[in-house]
Amino acid sequence: MSDGPPRIFDRKALTLHSARAQRIGGDKFLVREAAEGLAERLHAIRRTFVNAFALGAGEAVDPILLPLAKRWTHAQLDEDESFIAGAESFDLIVSNLSLHSVNDLPGVLAQVRRALRPDGLFLATLFGGGTLFELRQSLAAGEIDTLGGVSPRVAPFADVRDLGGLLQRAGFALPVADVERSVVRYRDVAALIADLRAMGETNALSERSRTPLSRTTLAATMAHYAMHHSDADGRLRATFDVVYLTGWAPHDSQQRPLKPGSATSRLADVLNRDNGGTAEPKN
């Protein structure tokens, strides 16, 4: 029996893919759009953050986030998926499209929770749900048709409800998880793979096949994609679900749900008053 969570992702491969993405310097439009979404949510809070931490940021904090806090620190997760931060060190921690490729997401969220000061905010984006389901289906169909089996090639992505539950499990107050779906159209599968490579999002699964796709399997994959996931003009659809996570470190000033049995009015009474009716007398 192995200790700790299953090693779904090869962290060395993730590091190599990230470094390659930095060299390529392509149009990381999904990363940019997710950062804009984070900035919009922070603007809506109308609060001045002093010490902020960007978890998963490579060489620098995204420029769109810089004005939203006075001081920033940034780092990626270590090989053992930890980051150096003392307890209650930051009043804001953000992560943009990096947490979907960790092996122990509950453990990372617990670290974030400990690093936040009371009433500190955690805000993150990560790929979830139906992300790249078209590519996953097409690769599976291509391998079944030509090889008679399937190998892991597209990472699993968590459902938005499960991610909200993980926030609660980690001890965050007022947890919120919502999802925004984007459907991007590509001229061919190669263009999609080029975008994934530019974002460092190609296959880094620990159990991935080290053998490249054969021409026969690739052709079968592309044929399935074109048949089942293309528009009338021949362009291929690729779905990306970006999940936004929001959670606060608990503080006495925050709203709390009422304890069961503490209500002073019956729901039926309130509904009758709202409808202009007469409440029935209590027994």
C-alpha atoms as a PDB file:
ATOM      1  CA  MET A   1       0.000   0.000   0.000  1.00  0.00           C
ATOM      2  CA  SER A   2       1.430   3.405  -0.987  1.00  0.00           C
ATOM      3  CA  ASP A   3       1.353   6.358   1.374  1.00  0.00           C
ATOM      4  CA  GLY A   4      -0.412   9.599   0.506  1.00  0.00           C
ATOM      5  CA  PRO A   5      -2.715  10.458  -2.397  1.00  0.00           C
ATOM      6  CA  PRO A   6      -2.429   8.707  -5.778  1.00  0.00           C
ATOM      7  CA  ARG A   7       0.213  10.184  -8.084  1.00  0.00           C
ATOM      8  CA  ILE A   8      -2.028  11.090 -10.996  1.00  0.00           C
ATOM      9  CA  PHE A   9       0.342  13.679 -12.447  1.00  0.00           C
ATOM     10  CA  ASP A  10       4.064  13.505 -13.166  1.00  0.00           C
ATOM     11  CA  ARG A  11       5.347  16.738 -11.598  1.00  0.00           C
ATOM     12  CA  LYS A  12       8.643  16.568 -13.491  1.00  0.00           C
ATOM     13  CA  ALA A  13       6.709  16.458 -16.753  1.00  0.00           C
ATOM     14  CA  LEU A  14       4.567  19.374 -15.603  1.00  0.00           C
ATOM     15  CA  THR A  15       7.708  21.412 -14.901  1.00  0.00           C
ATOM     16  CA  LEU A  16       9.132  20.590 -18.336  1.00  0.00           C
ATOM     17  CA  HIS A  17       5.859  21.478 -20.046  1.00  0.00           C
ATOM     18  CA  SER A  18       5.704  24.793 -18.168  1.00  0.00           C
ATOM     19  CA  ALA A  19       9.269  25.642 -19.174  1.00  0.00           C
ATOM     20  CA  ARG A  20       8.515  24.797 -22.804  1.00  0.00           C
ATOM     21  CA  ALA A  21       5.417  27.000 -22.691  1.00  0.00           C
ATOM     22  CA  GLN A  22       7.566  29.882 -21.434  1.00  0.00           C
ATOM     23  CA  ARG A  23       9.947  29.401 -24.381  1.00  0.00           C
ATOM     24  CA  ILE A  24       7.127  29.177 -26.907  1.00  0.00           C
ATOM     25  CA  GLY A  25       5.450  32.338 -25.653  1.00  0.00           C
ATOM     26  CA  GLY A  26       2.256  31.711 -27.612  1.00  0.00           C
ATOM     27  CA  ASP A  27      -1.125  33.361 -27.181  1.00  0.00           C
ATOM     28  CA  LYS A  28      -2.300  32.101 -23.790  1.00  0.00           C
ATOM     29  CA  PHE A  29      -5.765  33.562 -24.311  1.00  0.00           C
ATOM     30  CA  LEU A  30      -7.519  31.236 -21.853  1.00  0.00           C
ATOM     31  CA  VAL A  31      -5.011  32.115 -19.110  1.00  0.00           C
ATOM     32  CA  ARG A  32      -5.545  35.803 -19.857  1.00  0.00           C
ATOM     33  CA  GLU A  33      -9.346  35.498 -19.813  1.00  0.00           C
ATOM     34  CA  ALA A  34      -9.247  33.610 -16.500  1.00  0.00           C
ATOM     35  CA  ALA A  35      -6.995  36.299 -14.988  1.00  0.00           C
ATOM     36  CA  GLU A  36      -9.474  38.942 -16.141  1.00  0.00           C
ATOM     37  CA  GLY A  37     -12.232  36.987 -14.419  1.00  0.00           C
ATOM     38  CA  LEU A  38     -10.214  36.935 -11.188  1.00  0.00           C
ATOM     39  CA  ALA A  39      -9.624  40.680 -11.442  1.00  0.00           C
ATOM     40  CA  GLU A  40     -13.346  41.356 -11.955  1.00  0.00           C
ATOM     41  CA  ARG A  41     -14.236  39.389  -8.849  1.00  0.00           C
ATOM     42  CA  LEU A  42     -11.587  41.175  -6.790  1.00  0.00           C
ATOM     43  CA  HIS A  43     -12.770  44.593  -7.985  1.00  0.00           C
ATOM     44  CA  ALA A  44     -16.298  43.707  -6.859  1.00  0.00           C
ATOM     45  CA  ILE A  45     -15.121  43.065  -3.285  1.00  0.00           C
ATOM     46  CA  ARG A  46     -14.094  46.711  -2.785  1.00  0.00           C
ATOM     47  CA  ARG A  47     -11.375  45.977  -0.301  1.00  0.00           C
ATOM     48  CA  THR A  48      -7.694  46.860  -0.123  1.00  0.00           C
ATOM     49  CA  PHE A  49      -5.452  43.819   0.139  1.00  0.00           C
ATOM     50  CA  VAL A  50      -1.956  44.315   1.509  1.00  0.00           C
ATOM     51  CA  ASN A  51       0.008  41.057   1.426  1.00  0.00           C
ATOM     52  CA  ALA A  52      -0.939  38.853  -1.523  1.00  0.00           C
ATOM     53  CA  PHE A  53       0.400  35.560  -2.829  1.00  0.00           C
ATOM     54  CA  ALA A  54       0.089  34.231  -6.389  1.00  0.00           C
ATOM     55  CA  LEU A  55       0.239  30.431  -6.184  1.00  0.00           C
ATOM     56  CA  GLY A  56       1.360  28.724  -9.360  1.00  0.00           C
ATOM     57  CA  ALA A  57       2.671  31.895 -10.988  1.00  0.00           C
ATOM     58  CA  GLY A  58       5.862  31.272 -12.932  1.00  0.00           C
ATOM     59  CA  GLU A  59       8.218  34.161 -13.527  1.00  0.00           C
ATOM     60  CA  ALA A  60       5.903  36.981 -12.460  1.00  0.00           C
ATOM     61  CA  VAL A  61       2.445  37.902 -11.188  1.00  0.00           C
ATOM     62  CA  ASP A  62      -0.059  38.574 -13.960  1.00  0.00           C
ATOM     63  CA  PRO A  63       0.009  42.350 -14.646  1.00  0.00           C
ATOM     64  CA  ILE A  64      -3.783  42.592 -14.451  1.00  0.00           C
ATOM     65  CA  LEU A  65      -3.662  41.435 -10.818  1.00  0.00           C
ATOM     66  CA  LEU A  66      -0.785  43.629  -9.626  1.00  0.00           C
ATOM     67  CA  PRO A  67      -2.886  46.761  -8.825  1.00  0.00           C
ATOM     68  CA  LEU A  68      -5.240  44.732  -6.612  1.00  0.00           C
ATOM     69  CA  ALA A  69      -2.808  44.341  -3.700  1.00  0.00           C
ATOM     70  CA  LYS A  70       0.031  46.433  -2.283  1.00  0.00           C
ATOM     71  CA  ARG A  71       2.630  43.666  -2.024  1.00  0.00           C
ATOM     72  CA  TRP A  72       2.877  40.441  -3.977  1.00  0.00           C
ATOM     73  CA  THR A  73       4.795  37.201  -3.515  1.00  0.00           C
ATOM     74  CA  HIS A  74       4.644  34.438  -6.108  1.00  0.00           C
ATOM     75  CA  ALA A  75       5.817  30.837  -6.364  1.00  0.00           C
ATOM     76  CA  GLN A  76       4.981  27.502  -7.874  1.00  0.00           C
ATOM     77  CA  LEU A  77       4.352  24.351  -5.894  1.00  0.00           C
ATOM     78  CA  ASP A  78       7.426  22.360  -4.946  1.00  0.00           C
ATOM     79  CA  GLU A  79       7.990  18.791  -6.097  1.00  0.00           C
ATOM     80  CA  ASP A  80       6.086  17.577  -3.015  1.00  0.00           C
ATOM     81  CA  GLU A  81       3.222  20.022  -3.758  1.00  0.00           C
ATOM     82  CA  SER A  82       3.992  22.397  -0.912  1.00  0.00           C
ATOM     83  CA  PHE A  83       4.768  26.094  -0.843  1.00  0.00           C
ATOM     84  CA  ILE A  84       6.721  27.996   1.765  1.00  0.00           C
ATOM     85  CA  ALA A  85       4.395  30.259   3.727  1.00  0.00           C
ATOM     86  CA  GLY A  86       3.995  30.828   7.419  1.00  0.00           C
ATOM     87  CA  ALA A  87       0.637  30.518   9.137  1.00  0.00           C
ATOM     88  CA  GLU A  88      -1.615  33.554   8.641  1.00  0.00           C
ATOM     89  CA  SER A  89       0.890  35.285   6.338  1.00  0.00           C
ATOM     90  CA  PHE A  90      -1.397  36.678   3.614  1.00  0.00           C
ATOM     91  CA  ASP A  91      -4.748  38.403   3.334  1.00  0.00           C
ATOM     92  CA  LEU A  92      -5.128  37.354  -0.319  1.00  0.00           C
ATOM     93  CA  ILE A  93      -4.054  34.200  -2.175  1.00  0.00           C
ATOM     94  CA  VAL A  94      -4.869  33.702  -5.851  1.00  0.00           C
ATOM     95  CA  SER A  95      -4.150  30.875  -8.276  1.00  0.00           C
ATOM     96  CA  ASN A  96      -4.805  31.045 -11.992  1.00  0.00           C
ATOM     97  CA  LEU A  97      -5.238  27.770 -13.914  1.00  0.00           C
ATOM     98  CA  SER A  98      -2.676  25.729 -11.995  1.00  0.00           C
ATOM     99  CA  LEU A  99      -4.527  23.675  -9.374  1.00  0.00           C
ATOM    100  CA  HIS A 100      -6.225  21.236 -11.764  1.00  0.00           C
ATOM    101  CA  SER A 101      -2.899  19.415 -12.179  1.00  0.00           C
ATOM    102  CA  VAL A 102      -2.020  18.677  -8.541  1.00  0.00           C
ATOM    103  CA  ASN A 103      -2.166  15.212  -7.040  1.00  0.00           C
ATOM    104  CA  ASP A 104      -3.394  16.265  -3.602  1.00  0.00           C
ATOM    105  CA  LEU A 105      -5.807  19.148  -4.112  1.00  0.00           C
ATOM    106  CA  PRO A 106      -7.341  18.800  -0.602  1.00  0.00           C
ATOM    107  CA  GLY A 107      -3.836  19.050   0.865  1.00  0.00           C
ATOM    108  CA  VAL A 108      -2.964  22.142  -1.179  1.00  0.00           C
ATOM    109  CA  LEU A 109      -6.231  23.828  -0.202  1.00  0.00           C
ATOM    110  CA  ALA A 110      -5.470  23.084   3.455  1.00  0.00           C
ATOM    111  CA  GLN A 111      -2.068  24.775   3.027  1.00  0.00           C
ATOM    112  CA  VAL A 112      -3.753  27.817   1.487  1.00  0.00           C
ATOM    113  CA  ARG A 113      -6.237  27.971   4.334  1.00  0.00           C
ATOM    114  CA  ARG A 114      -3.436  27.933   6.932  1.00  0.00           C
ATOM    115  CA  ALA A 115      -1.495  30.639   5.101  1.00  0.00           C
ATOM    116  CA  LEU A 116      -4.447  33.057   5.108  1.00  0.00           C
ATOM    117  CA  ARG A 117      -4.996  35.573   7.868  1.00  0.00           C
ATOM    118  CA  PRO A 118      -8.457  35.625   9.491  1.00  0.00           C
ATOM    119  CA  ASP A 119     -10.937  37.053   6.980  1.00  0.00           C
ATOM    120  CA  GLY A 120      -8.365  36.549   4.215  1.00  0.00           C
ATOM    121  CA  LEU A 121      -9.550  35.663   0.729  1.00  0.00           C
ATOM    122  CA  PHE A 122      -8.677  32.746  -1.525  1.00  0.00           C
ATOM    123  CA  LEU A 123      -9.619  33.077  -5.196  1.00  0.00           C
ATOM    124  CA  ALA A 124      -8.649  30.571  -7.879  1.00  0.00           C
ATOM    125  CA  THR A 125      -9.429  29.300 -11.345  1.00  0.00           C
ATOM    126  CA  LEU A 126      -8.886  25.785 -12.627  1.00  0.00           C
ATOM    127  CA  PHE A 127     -10.108  23.657 -15.496  1.00  0.00           C
ATOM    128  CA  GLY A 128     -13.013  21.443 -14.574  1.00  0.00           C
ATOM    129  CA  GLY A 129     -15.922  19.335 -15.701  1.00  0.00           C
ATOM    130  CA  GLY A 130     -16.294  19.010 -19.439  1.00  0.00           C
ATOM    131  CA  THR A 131     -12.943  20.524 -20.408  1.00  0.00           C
ATOM    132  CA  LEU A 132     -11.650  18.912 -23.624  1.00  0.00           C
ATOM    133  CA  PHE A 133     -14.327  16.215 -23.602  1.00  0.00           C
ATOM    134  CA  GLU A 134     -14.288  16.272 -27.423  1.00  0.00           C
ATOM    135  CA  LEU A 135     -10.562  15.494 -27.530  1.00  0.00           C
ATOM    136  CA  ARG A 136     -10.910  12.822 -24.840  1.00  0.00           C
ATOM    137  CA  GLN A 137     -13.696  11.045 -26.753  1.00  0.00           C
ATOM    138  CA  SER A 138     -11.898  11.268 -30.086  1.00  0.00           C
ATOM    139  CA  LEU A 139      -8.578   9.930 -28.736  1.00  0.00           C
ATOM    140  CA  ALA A 140     -10.388   7.042 -27.072  1.00  0.00           C
ATOM    141  CA  ALA A 141     -12.301   6.241 -30.281  1.00  0.00           C
ATOM    142  CA  GLY A 142      -9.137   6.422 -32.369  1.00  0.00           C
ATOM    143  CA  GLU A 143      -7.218   4.062 -30.086  1.00  0.00           C
ATOM    144  CA  ILE A 144     -10.099   1.585 -29.811  1.00  0.00           C
ATOM    145  CA  ASP A 145     -10.482   1.470 -33.597  1.00  0.00           C
ATOM    146  CA  THR A 146      -6.771   0.946 -34.288  1.00  0.00           C
ATOM    147  CA  LEU A 147      -5.305  -0.583 -31.110  1.00  0.00           C
ATOM    148  CA  GLY A 148      -8.264  -2.235 -29.416  1.00  0.00           C
ATOM    149  CA  GLY A 149      -7.735  -0.335 -26.144  1.00  0.00           C
ATOM    150  CA  VAL A 150      -7.362   3.068 -24.515  1.00  0.00           C
ATOM    151  CA  SER A 151      -4.409   4.738 -22.781  1.00  0.00           C
ATOM    152  CA  PRO A 152      -4.568   7.848 -20.516  1.00  0.00           C
ATOM    153  CA  ARG A 153      -4.069  10.927 -22.682  1.00  0.00           C
ATOM    154  CA  VAL A 154      -6.342  13.681 -21.295  1.00  0.00           C
ATOM    155  CA  ALA A 155      -6.293  14.543 -17.593  1.00  0.00           C
ATOM    156  CA  PRO A 156      -9.431  14.066 -15.474  1.00  0.00           C
ATOM    157  CA  PHE A 157     -11.083  17.317 -14.375  1.00  0.00           C
ATOM    158  CA  ALA A 158     -13.144  17.721 -11.208  1.00  0.00           C
ATOM    159  CA  ASP A 159     -16.829  18.649 -11.189  1.00  0.00           C
ATOM    160  CA  VAL A 160     -17.745  22.099  -9.897  1.00  0.00           C
ATOM    161  CA  ARG A 161     -19.830  20.618  -7.053  1.00  0.00           C
ATOM    162  CA  ASP A 162     -16.946  18.439  -5.909  1.00  0.00           C
ATOM    163  CA  LEU A 163     -14.634  21.450  -5.913  1.00  0.00           C
ATOM    164  CA  GLY A 164     -17.069  23.421  -3.768  1.00  0.00           C
ATOM    165  CA  GLY A 165     -17.120  20.519  -1.327  1.00  0.00           C
ATOM    166  CA  LEU A 166     -13.323  20.528  -1.151  1.00  0.00           C
ATOM    167  CA  LEU A 167     -13.394  24.198  -0.110  1.00  0.00           C
ATOM    168  CA  GLN A 168     -15.696  23.310   2.788  1.00  0.00           C
ATOM    169  CA  ARG A 169     -13.550  20.329   3.715  1.00  0.00           C
ATOM    170  CA  ALA A 170     -10.458  22.575   3.873  1.00  0.00           C
ATOM    171  CA  GLY A 171     -12.192  24.855   6.377  1.00  0.00           C
ATOM    172  CA  PHE A 172     -13.042  27.853   4.197  1.00  0.00           C
ATOM    173  CA  ALA A 173     -15.966  30.049   5.172  1.00  0.00           C
ATOM    174  CA  LEU A 174     -18.564  31.240   2.642  1.00  0.00           C
ATOM    175  CA  PRO A 175     -17.299  28.870  -0.098  1.00  0.00           C
ATOM    176  CA  VAL A 176     -18.459  29.474  -3.660  1.00  0.00           C
ATOM    177  CA  ALA A 177     -17.695  27.478  -6.815  1.00  0.00           C
ATOM    178  CA  ASP A 178     -19.056  28.536 -10.190  1.00  0.00           C
ATOM    179  CA  VAL A 179     -18.122  27.688 -13.747  1.00  0.00           C
ATOM    180  CA  GLU A 180     -17.810  29.599 -17.024  1.00  0.00           C
ATOM    181  CA  ARG A 181     -17.756  27.591 -20.261  1.00  0.00           C
ATOM    182  CA  SER A 182     -15.901  28.634 -23.399  1.00  0.00           C
ATOM    183  CA  VAL A 183     -16.126  26.800 -26.703  1.00  0.00           C
ATOM    184  CA  VAL A 184     -13.148  27.522 -28.967  1.00  0.00           C
ATOM    185  CA  ARG A 185     -13.159  26.623 -32.656  1.00  0.00           C
ATOM    186  CA  TYR A 186     -10.063  25.262 -34.417  1.00  0.00           C
ATOM    187  CA  ARG A 187      -9.200  24.558 -38.031  1.00  0.00           C
ATOM    188  CA  ASP A 188      -7.765  21.150 -37.050  1.00  0.00           C
ATOM    189  CA  VAL A 189      -6.560  19.035 -34.120  1.00  0.00           C
ATOM    190  CA  ALA A 190      -2.968  20.220 -34.634  1.00  0.00           C
ATOM    191  CA  ALA A 191      -4.000  23.826 -33.910  1.00  0.00           C
ATOM    192  CA  LEU A 192      -5.696  22.724 -30.687  1.00  0.00           C
ATOM    193  CA  ILE A 193      -2.605  20.799 -29.573  1.00  0.00           C
ATOM    194  CA  ALA A 194      -0.445  23.845 -30.345  1.00  0.00           C
ATOM    195  CA  ASP A 195      -2.579  25.972 -28.006  1.00  0.00           C
ATOM    196  CA  LEU A 196      -2.409  23.332 -25.257  1.00  0.00           C
ATOM    197  CA  ARG A 197       1.371  23.167 -25.651  1.00  0.00           C
ATOM    198  CA  ALA A 198       1.609  26.979 -25.399  1.00  0.00           C
ATOM    199  CA  MET A 199      -0.278  26.819 -22.081  1.00  0.00           C
ATOM    200  CA  GLY A 200       1.781  23.891 -20.742  1.00  0.00           C
ATOM    201  CA  GLU A 201      -1.343  21.720 -20.760  1.00  0.00           C
ATOM    202  CA  THR A 202      -0.244  18.678 -22.751  1.00  0.00           C
ATOM    203  CA  ASN A 203      -0.312  15.167 -21.302  1.00  0.00           C
ATOM    204  CA  ALA A 204       1.550  14.907 -17.968  1.00  0.00           C
ATOM    205  CA  LEU A 205      -0.299  11.917 -16.511  1.00  0.00           C
ATOM    206  CA  SER A 206       1.912   9.516 -14.598  1.00  0.00           C
ATOM    207  CA  GLU A 207       0.394   6.533 -16.432  1.00  0.00           C
ATOM    208  CA  ARG A 208       0.591   8.132 -19.873  1.00  0.00           C
ATOM    209  CA  SER A 209       1.941   6.181 -22.809  1.00  0.00           C
ATOM    210  CA  ARG A 210       5.460   7.270 -23.749  1.00  0.00           C
ATOM    211  CA  THR A 211       4.853   6.126 -27.323  1.00  0.00           C
ATOM    212  CA  PRO A 212       3.643   8.835 -29.736  1.00  0.00           C
ATOM    213  CA  LEU A 213       0.408   8.250 -31.589  1.00  0.00           C
ATOM    214  CA  SER A 214       0.885   6.329 -34.811  1.00  0.00           C
ATOM    215  CA  ARG A 215      -0.259   7.916 -38.054  1.00  0.00           C
ATOM    216  CA  THR A 216      -3.086   5.387 -38.242  1.00  0.00           C
ATOM    217  CA  THR A 217      -4.359   6.169 -34.733  1.00  0.00           C
ATOM    218  CA  LEU A 218      -3.976   9.905 -35.273  1.00  0.00           C
ATOM    219  CA  ALA A 219      -5.958   9.693 -38.510  1.00  0.00           C
ATOM    220  CA  ALA A 220      -8.734   7.746 -36.769  1.00  0.00           C
ATOM    221  CA  THR A 221      -8.767  10.321 -33.948  1.00  0.00           C
ATOM    222  CA  MET A 222      -9.041  13.238 -36.371  1.00  0.00           C
ATOM    223  CA  ALA A 223     -11.784  11.504 -38.344  1.00  0.00           C
ATOM    224  CA  HIS A 224     -13.847  10.928 -35.190  1.00  0.00           C
ATOM    225  CA  TYR A 225     -13.324  14.531 -34.064  1.00  0.00           C
ATOM    226  CA  ALA A 226     -14.403  15.901 -37.459  1.00  0.00           C
ATOM    227  CA  MET A 227     -17.475  13.656 -37.590  1.00  0.00           C
ATOM    228  CA  HIS A 228     -18.796  14.274 -34.067  1.00  0.00           C
ATOM    229  CA  HIS A 229     -17.447  17.661 -32.922  1.00  0.00           C
ATOM    230  CA  SER A 230     -17.309  19.988 -35.923  1.00  0.00           C
ATOM    231  CA  ASP A 231     -19.474  22.842 -37.180  1.00  0.00           C
ATOM    232  CA  ALA A 232     -20.927  23.252 -40.652  1.00  0.00           C
ATOM    233  CA  ASP A 233     -17.825  25.140 -41.828  1.00  0.00           C
ATOM    234  CA  GLY A 234     -15.584  22.239 -40.802  1.00  0.00           C
ATOM    235  CA  ARG A 235     -14.024  23.899 -37.753  1.00  0.00           C
ATOM    236  CA  LEU A 236     -13.592  21.740 -34.671  1.00  0.00           C
ATOM    237  CA  ARG A 237     -15.085  22.615 -31.280  1.00  0.00           C
ATOM    238  CA  ALA A 238     -13.073  22.415 -28.059  1.00  0.00           C
ATOM    239  CA  THR A 239     -14.772  22.990 -24.702  1.00  0.00           C
ATOM    240  CA  PHE A 240     -13.025  24.593 -21.734  1.00  0.00           C
ATOM    241  CA  ASP A 241     -14.811  24.817 -18.372  1.00  0.00           C
ATOM    242  CA  VAL A 242     -13.098  27.355 -16.092  1.00  0.00           C
ATOM    243  CA  VAL A 243     -14.155  26.903 -12.461  1.00  0.00           C
ATOM    244  CA  TYR A 244     -13.848  29.895 -10.119  1.00  0.00           C
ATOM    245  CA  LEU A 245     -13.311  29.074  -6.452  1.00  0.00           C
ATOM    246  CA  THR A 246     -13.858  31.624  -3.684  1.00  0.00           C
ATOM    247  CA  GLY A 247     -13.342  31.016   0.008  1.00  0.00           C
ATOM    248  CA  TRP A 248     -12.578  33.061   3.121  1.00  0.00           C
ATOM    249  CA  ALA A 249     -10.555  32.275   6.197  1.00  0.00           C
ATOM    250  CA  PRO A 250     -13.097  32.243   9.058  1.00  0.00           C
ATOM    251  CA  HIS A 251     -13.585  35.416  11.096  1.00  0.00           C
ATOM    252  CA  ASP A 252     -16.125  36.541  13.703  1.00  0.00           C
ATOM    253  CA  SER A 253     -17.337  39.385  11.468  1.00  0.00           C
ATOM    254  CA  GLN A 254     -18.572  37.016   8.741  1.00  0.00           C
ATOM    255  CA  GLN A 255     -22.196  36.038   8.254  1.00  0.00           C
ATOM    256  CA  ARG A 256     -23.253  32.699   9.668  1.00  0.00           C
ATOM    257  CA  PRO A 257     -26.355  30.596   9.016  1.00  0.00           C
ATOM    258  CA  LEU A 258     -28.923  30.504  11.785  1.00  0.00           C
ATOM    259  CA  LYS A 259     -28.923  27.484  14.041  1.00  0.00           C
ATOM    260  CA  PRO A 260     -31.716  24.960  13.373  1.00  0.00           C
ATOM    261  CA  GLY A 261     -34.830  25.860  15.352  1.00  0.00           C
ATOM    262  CA  SER A 262     -33.841  29.490  15.948  1.00  0.00           C
ATOM    263  CA  ALA A 263     -36.279  31.036  13.431  1.00  0.00           C
ATOM    264  CA  THR A 264     -38.896  33.378  14.910  1.00  0.00           C
ATOM    265  CA  SER A 265     -41.436  33.009  12.069  1.00  0.00           C
ATOM    266  CA  ARG A 266     -42.884  30.074  10.188  1.00  0.00           C
ATOM    267  CA  LEU A 267     -42.141  29.876   6.459  1.00  0.00           C
ATOM    268  CA  ALA A 268     -45.859  29.404   5.750  1.00  0.00           C
ATOM    269  CA  ASP A 269     -46.644  32.670   7.587  1.00  0.00           C
ATOM    270  CA  VAL A 270     -44.103  34.588   5.525  1.00  0.00           C
ATOM    271  CA  LEU A 271     -45.386  33.144   2.251  1.00  0.00           C
ATOM    272  CA  ASN A 272     -48.987  34.005   3.129  1.00  0.00           C
ATOM    273  CA  ARG A 273     -48.065  37.598   3.980  1.00  0.00           C
ATOM    274  CA  ASP A 274     -46.078  37.972   0.729  1.00  0.00           C
ATOM    275  CA  ASN A 275     -49.064  36.701  -1.271  1.00  0.00           C
ATOM    276  CA  GLY A 276     -51.515  38.976   0.485  1.00  0.00           C
ATOM    277  CA  GLY A 277     -53.150  36.049   2.221  1.00  0.00           C
ATOM    278  CA  THR A 278     -54.071  35.453   5.834  1.00  0.00           C
ATOM    279  CA  ALA A 279     -51.877  33.183   7.856  1.00  0.00           C
ATOM    280  CA  GLU A 280     -53.504  30.218   9.457  1.00  0.00           C
ATOM    281  CA  PRO A 281     -53.580  30.376  13.255  1.00  0.00           C
ATOM    282  CA  LYS A 282     -50.926  28.331  15.036  1.00  0.00           C
ATOM    283  CA  ASN A 283     -52.177  25.294  16.953  1.00  0.00           C
END
